[in-house]
Amino acid sequence: MTPAKRLKRLSHLKEKMRELEVLFEETESTIGDLTDEEKRSLKGLASAIEYHASKLKG
């Protein structure tokens, strides 16, 4: 991958991570309004995201 393509890809990934951060903040602010089913669904999604994020750390 060329340095320019790599930089563009990293920039895209960072933007997507920022979008996820905003979504988590929005979810956290409305957590009291969610049903138990919705909370379970979001917890599963959060677990998947945490798993992939842990691979970035390693």
PDB file of N, CA and C in Angstrom:
ATOM      1  N   MET A   1       0.851  -1.168   0.000  1.00  0.00           N
ATOM      2  CA  MET A   1       0.000   0.000   0.000  1.00  0.00           C
ATOM      3  C   MET A   1       0.902   1.238   0.000  1.00  0.00           C
ATOM      4  N   THR A   2       0.564   2.185  -0.841  1.00  0.00           N
ATOM      5  CA  THR A   2       1.357   3.405  -0.911  1.00  0.00           C
ATOM      6  C   THR A   2       1.114   4.246   0.341  1.00  0.00           C
ATOM      7  N   PRO A   3       2.071   5.104   0.675  1.00  0.00           N
ATOM      8  CA  PRO A   3       1.879   5.964   1.853  1.00  0.00           C
ATOM      9  C   PRO A   3       0.610   6.823   1.766  1.00  0.00           C
ATOM     10  N   ALA A   4       0.282   7.309   0.574  1.00  0.00           N
ATOM     11  CA  ALA A   4      -0.922   8.140   0.417  1.00  0.00           C
ATOM     12  C   ALA A   4      -2.192   7.318   0.660  1.00  0.00           C
ATOM     13  N   LYS A   5      -2.225   6.095   0.120  1.00  0.00           N
ATOM     14  CA  LYS A   5      -3.387   5.232   0.328  1.00  0.00           C
ATOM     15  C   LYS A   5      -3.507   4.832   1.795  1.00  0.00           C
ATOM     16  N   ARG A   6      -2.364   4.566   2.410  1.00  0.00           N
ATOM     17  CA  ARG A   6      -2.354   4.196   3.824  1.00  0.00           C
ATOM     18  C   ARG A   6      -2.900   5.346   4.681  1.00  0.00           C
ATOM     19  N   LEU A   7      -2.456   6.552   4.410  1.00  0.00           N
ATOM     20  CA  LEU A   7      -2.913   7.730   5.150  1.00  0.00           C
ATOM     21  C   LEU A   7      -4.412   7.940   4.956  1.00  0.00           C
ATOM     22  N   LYS A   8      -4.886   7.763   3.724  1.00  0.00           N
ATOM     23  CA  LYS A   8      -6.312   7.920   3.445  1.00  0.00           C
ATOM     24  C   LYS A   8      -7.120   6.858   4.195  1.00  0.00           C
ATOM     25  N   ARG A   9      -6.642   5.622   4.200  1.00  0.00           N
ATOM     26  CA  ARG A   9      -7.336   4.527   4.893  1.00  0.00           C
ATOM     27  C   ARG A   9      -7.374   4.776   6.401  1.00  0.00           C
ATOM     28  N   LEU A  10      -6.240   5.197   6.963  1.00  0.00           N
ATOM     29  CA  LEU A  10      -6.196   5.500   8.399  1.00  0.00           C
ATOM     30  C   LEU A  10      -7.140   6.636   8.756  1.00  0.00           C
ATOM     31  N   SER A  11      -7.188   7.639   7.917  1.00  0.00           N
ATOM     32  CA  SER A  11      -8.085   8.769   8.150  1.00  0.00           C
ATOM     33  C   SER A  11      -9.537   8.299   8.146  1.00  0.00           C
ATOM     34  N   HIS A  12      -9.868   7.433   7.201  1.00  0.00           N
ATOM     35  CA  HIS A  12     -11.226   6.887   7.116  1.00  0.00           C
ATOM     36  C   HIS A  12     -11.560   6.080   8.374  1.00  0.00           C
ATOM     37  N   LEU A  13     -10.635   5.235   8.809  1.00  0.00           N
ATOM     38  CA  LEU A  13     -10.864   4.421  10.005  1.00  0.00           C
ATOM     39  C   LEU A  13     -11.034   5.297  11.250  1.00  0.00           C
ATOM     40  N   LYS A  14     -10.234   6.333  11.368  1.00  0.00           N
ATOM     41  CA  LYS A  14     -10.353   7.238  12.522  1.00  0.00           C
ATOM     42  C   LYS A  14     -11.714   7.926  12.530  1.00  0.00           C
ATOM     43  N   GLU A  15     -12.184   8.331  11.356  1.00  0.00           N
ATOM     44  CA  GLU A  15     -13.495   8.982  11.270  1.00  0.00           C
ATOM     45  C   GLU A  15     -14.604   8.016  11.688  1.00  0.00           C
ATOM     46  N   LYS A  16     -14.516   6.767  11.249  1.00  0.00           N
ATOM     47  CA  LYS A  16     -15.513   5.771  11.639  1.00  0.00           C
ATOM     48  C   LYS A  16     -15.476   5.518  13.146  1.00  0.00           C
ATOM     49  N   MET A  17     -14.281   5.494  13.736  1.00  0.00           N
ATOM     50  CA  MET A  17     -14.152   5.303  15.183  1.00  0.00           C
ATOM     51  C   MET A  17     -14.782   6.485  15.925  1.00  0.00           C
ATOM     52  N   ARG A  18     -14.618   7.691  15.405  1.00  0.00           N
ATOM     53  CA  ARG A  18     -15.247   8.867  16.025  1.00  0.00           C
ATOM     54  C   ARG A  18     -16.772   8.744  15.969  1.00  0.00           C
ATOM     55  N   GLU A  19     -17.286   8.253  14.831  1.00  0.00           N
ATOM     56  CA  GLU A  19     -18.729   8.052  14.706  1.00  0.00           C
ATOM     57  C   GLU A  19     -19.222   7.050  15.744  1.00  0.00           C
ATOM     58  N   LEU A  20     -18.466   5.979  15.955  1.00  0.00           N
ATOM     59  CA  LEU A  20     -18.834   4.992  16.972  1.00  0.00           C
ATOM     60  C   LEU A  20     -18.835   5.616  18.362  1.00  0.00           C
ATOM     61  N   GLU A  21     -17.858   6.463  18.619  1.00  0.00           N
ATOM     62  CA  GLU A  21     -17.785   7.120  19.928  1.00  0.00           C
ATOM     63  C   GLU A  21     -19.034   7.965  20.169  1.00  0.00           C
ATOM     64  N   VAL A  22     -19.460   8.705  19.160  1.00  0.00           N
ATOM     65  CA  VAL A  22     -20.659   9.527  19.277  1.00  0.00           C
ATOM     66  C   VAL A  22     -21.886   8.641  19.498  1.00  0.00           C
ATOM     67  N   LEU A  23     -21.965   7.521  18.776  1.00  0.00           N
ATOM     68  CA  LEU A  23     -23.089   6.608  18.956  1.00  0.00           C
ATOM     69  C   LEU A  23     -23.132   6.038  20.370  1.00  0.00           C
ATOM     70  N   PHE A  24     -21.969   5.690  20.911  1.00  0.00           N
ATOM     71  CA  PHE A  24     -21.934   5.183  22.283  1.00  0.00           C
ATOM     72  C   PHE A  24     -22.386   6.258  23.269  1.00  0.00           C
ATOM     73  N   GLU A  25     -21.965   7.501  23.050  1.00  0.00           N
ATOM     74  CA  GLU A  25     -22.385   8.590  23.933  1.00  0.00           C
ATOM     75  C   GLU A  25     -23.890   8.793  23.857  1.00  0.00           C
ATOM     76  N   GLU A  26     -24.450   8.747  22.654  1.00  0.00           N
ATOM     77  CA  GLU A  26     -25.896   8.903  22.486  1.00  0.00           C
ATOM     78  C   GLU A  26     -26.641   7.748  23.153  1.00  0.00           C
ATOM     79  N   THR A  27     -26.118   6.552  23.001  1.00  0.00           N
ATOM     80  CA  THR A  27     -26.743   5.382  23.616  1.00  0.00           C
ATOM     81  C   THR A  27     -26.714   5.501  25.128  1.00  0.00           C
ATOM     82  N   GLU A  28     -25.575   5.919  25.652  1.00  0.00           N
ATOM     83  CA  GLU A  28     -25.436   6.051  27.100  1.00  0.00           C
ATOM     84  C   GLU A  28     -26.437   7.061  27.658  1.00  0.00           C
ATOM     85  N   SER A  29     -26.683   8.120  26.917  1.00  0.00           N
ATOM     86  CA  SER A  29     -27.607   9.143  27.411  1.00  0.00           C
ATOM     87  C   SER A  29     -29.063   8.687  27.361  1.00  0.00           C
ATOM     88  N   THR A  30     -29.383   7.678  26.545  1.00  0.00           N
ATOM     89  CA  THR A  30     -30.769   7.201  26.447  1.00  0.00           C
ATOM     90  C   THR A  30     -30.951   5.808  27.040  1.00  0.00           C
ATOM     91  N   ILE A  31     -29.953   5.298  27.728  1.00  0.00           N
ATOM     92  CA  ILE A  31     -29.993   3.917  28.219  1.00  0.00           C
ATOM     93  C   ILE A  31     -31.215   3.656  29.099  1.00  0.00           C
ATOM     94  N   GLY A  32     -31.649   4.635  29.849  1.00  0.00           N
ATOM     95  CA  GLY A  32     -32.818   4.461  30.706  1.00  0.00           C
ATOM     96  C   GLY A  32     -34.110   4.256  29.935  1.00  0.00           C
ATOM     97  N   ASP A  33     -34.135   4.695  28.691  1.00  0.00           N
ATOM     98  CA  ASP A  33     -35.330   4.573  27.856  1.00  0.00           C
ATOM     99  C   ASP A  33     -35.368   3.272  27.054  1.00  0.00           C
ATOM    100  N   LEU A  34     -34.314   2.468  27.142  1.00  0.00           N
ATOM    101  CA  LEU A  34     -34.244   1.246  26.342  1.00  0.00           C
ATOM    102  C   LEU A  34     -34.901   0.070  27.058  1.00  0.00           C
ATOM    103  N   THR A  35     -35.449  -0.833  26.267  1.00  0.00           N
ATOM    104  CA  THR A  35     -36.019  -2.055  26.838  1.00  0.00           C
ATOM    105  C   THR A  35     -34.877  -3.019  27.161  1.00  0.00           C
ATOM    106  N   ASP A  36     -35.178  -4.045  27.950  1.00  0.00           N
ATOM    107  CA  ASP A  36     -34.160  -5.045  28.276  1.00  0.00           C
ATOM    108  C   ASP A  36     -33.636  -5.719  27.012  1.00  0.00           C
ATOM    109  N   GLU A  37     -34.513  -5.989  26.071  1.00  0.00           N
ATOM    110  CA  GLU A  37     -34.117  -6.615  24.799  1.00  0.00           C
ATOM    111  C   GLU A  37     -33.139  -5.715  24.039  1.00  0.00           C
ATOM    112  N   GLU A  38     -33.443  -4.417  23.982  1.00  0.00           N
ATOM    113  CA  GLU A  38     -32.561  -3.470  23.292  1.00  0.00           C
ATOM    114  C   GLU A  38     -31.205  -3.402  23.988  1.00  0.00           C
ATOM    115  N   LYS A  39     -31.219  -3.403  25.313  1.00  0.00           N
ATOM    116  CA  LYS A  39     -29.959  -3.373  26.068  1.00  0.00           C
ATOM    117  C   LYS A  39     -29.124  -4.612  25.788  1.00  0.00           C
ATOM    118  N   ARG A  40     -29.751  -5.790  25.738  1.00  0.00           N
ATOM    119  CA  ARG A  40     -29.021  -7.034  25.437  1.00  0.00           C
ATOM    120  C   ARG A  40     -28.406  -6.970  24.044  1.00  0.00           C
ATOM    121  N   SER A  41     -29.167  -6.458  23.099  1.00  0.00           N
ATOM    122  CA  SER A  41     -28.683  -6.346  21.725  1.00  0.00           C
ATOM    123  C   SER A  41     -27.467  -5.422  21.653  1.00  0.00           C
ATOM    124  N   LEU A  42     -27.558  -4.296  22.327  1.00  0.00           N
ATOM    125  CA  LEU A  42     -26.445  -3.353  22.327  1.00  0.00           C
ATOM    126  C   LEU A  42     -25.239  -3.913  23.069  1.00  0.00           C
ATOM    127  N   LYS A  43     -25.486  -4.677  24.117  1.00  0.00           N
ATOM    128  CA  LYS A  43     -24.384  -5.278  24.864  1.00  0.00           C
ATOM    129  C   LYS A  43     -23.621  -6.264  23.977  1.00  0.00           C
ATOM    130  N   GLY A  44     -24.351  -7.043  23.186  1.00  0.00           N
ATOM    131  CA  GLY A  44     -23.695  -7.967  22.263  1.00  0.00           C
ATOM    132  C   GLY A  44     -22.861  -7.236  21.235  1.00  0.00           C
ATOM    133  N   LEU A  45     -23.391  -6.154  20.720  1.00  0.00           N
ATOM    134  CA  LEU A  45     -22.653  -5.349  19.748  1.00  0.00           C
ATOM    135  C   LEU A  45     -21.417  -4.731  20.393  1.00  0.00           C
ATOM    136  N   ALA A  46     -21.565  -4.222  21.605  1.00  0.00           N
ATOM    137  CA  ALA A  46     -20.439  -3.630  22.313  1.00  0.00           C
ATOM    138  C   ALA A  46     -19.346  -4.665  22.568  1.00  0.00           C
ATOM    139  N   SER A  47     -19.747  -5.890  22.889  1.00  0.00           N
ATOM    140  CA  SER A  47     -18.769  -6.954  23.115  1.00  0.00           C
ATOM    141  C   SER A  47     -17.975  -7.242  21.848  1.00  0.00           C
ATOM    142  N   ALA A  48     -18.661  -7.266  20.715  1.00  0.00           N
ATOM    143  CA  ALA A  48     -17.977  -7.506  19.441  1.00  0.00           C
ATOM    144  C   ALA A  48     -16.992  -6.376  19.137  1.00  0.00           C
ATOM    145  N   ILE A  49     -17.400  -5.157  19.398  1.00  0.00           N
ATOM    146  CA  ILE A  49     -16.522  -4.008  19.149  1.00  0.00           C
ATOM    147  C   ILE A  49     -15.312  -4.059  20.082  1.00  0.00           C
ATOM    148  N   GLU A  50     -15.547  -4.383  21.350  1.00  0.00           N
ATOM    149  CA  GLU A  50     -14.439  -4.498  22.302  1.00  0.00           C
ATOM    150  C   GLU A  50     -13.450  -5.577  21.881  1.00  0.00           C
ATOM    151  N   TYR A  51     -13.964  -6.691  21.374  1.00  0.00           N
ATOM    152  CA  TYR A  51     -13.103  -7.774  20.918  1.00  0.00           C
ATOM    153  C   TYR A  51     -12.180  -7.286  19.801  1.00  0.00           C
ATOM    154  N   HIS A  52     -12.751  -6.608  18.824  1.00  0.00           N
ATOM    155  CA  HIS A  52     -11.940  -6.125  17.700  1.00  0.00           C
ATOM    156  C   HIS A  52     -10.984  -5.017  18.135  1.00  0.00           C
ATOM    157  N   ALA A  53     -11.420  -4.180  19.056  1.00  0.00           N
ATOM    158  CA  ALA A  53     -10.544  -3.125  19.569  1.00  0.00           C
ATOM    159  C   ALA A  53      -9.357  -3.732  20.320  1.00  0.00           C
ATOM    160  N   SER A  54      -9.602  -4.826  21.028  1.00  0.00           N
ATOM    161  CA  SER A  54      -8.502  -5.470  21.776  1.00  0.00           C
ATOM    162  C   SER A  54      -7.448  -5.999  20.813  1.00  0.00           C
ATOM    163  N   LYS A  55      -7.846  -6.385  19.609  1.00  0.00           N
ATOM    164  CA  LYS A  55      -6.878  -6.853  18.626  1.00  0.00           C
ATOM    165  C   LYS A  55      -5.993  -5.699  18.153  1.00  0.00           C
ATOM    166  N   LEU A  56      -6.507  -4.471  18.194  1.00  0.00           N
ATOM    167  CA  LEU A  56      -5.700  -3.313  17.818  1.00  0.00           C
ATOM    168  C   LEU A  56      -4.617  -3.021  18.844  1.00  0.00           C
ATOM    169  N   LYS A  57      -4.927  -3.313  20.095  1.00  0.00           N
ATOM    170  CA  LYS A  57      -3.965  -3.062  21.179  1.00  0.00           C
ATOM    171  C   LYS A  57      -2.788  -4.025  21.133  1.00  0.00           C
ATOM    172  N   GLY A  58      -3.033  -5.242  20.655  1.00  0.00           N
ATOM    173  CA  GLY A  58      -2.030  -6.300  20.702  1.00  0.00           C
ATOM    174  C   GLY A  58      -1.032  -6.283  19.629  1.00  0.00           C
TER     175      GLY A  58
END
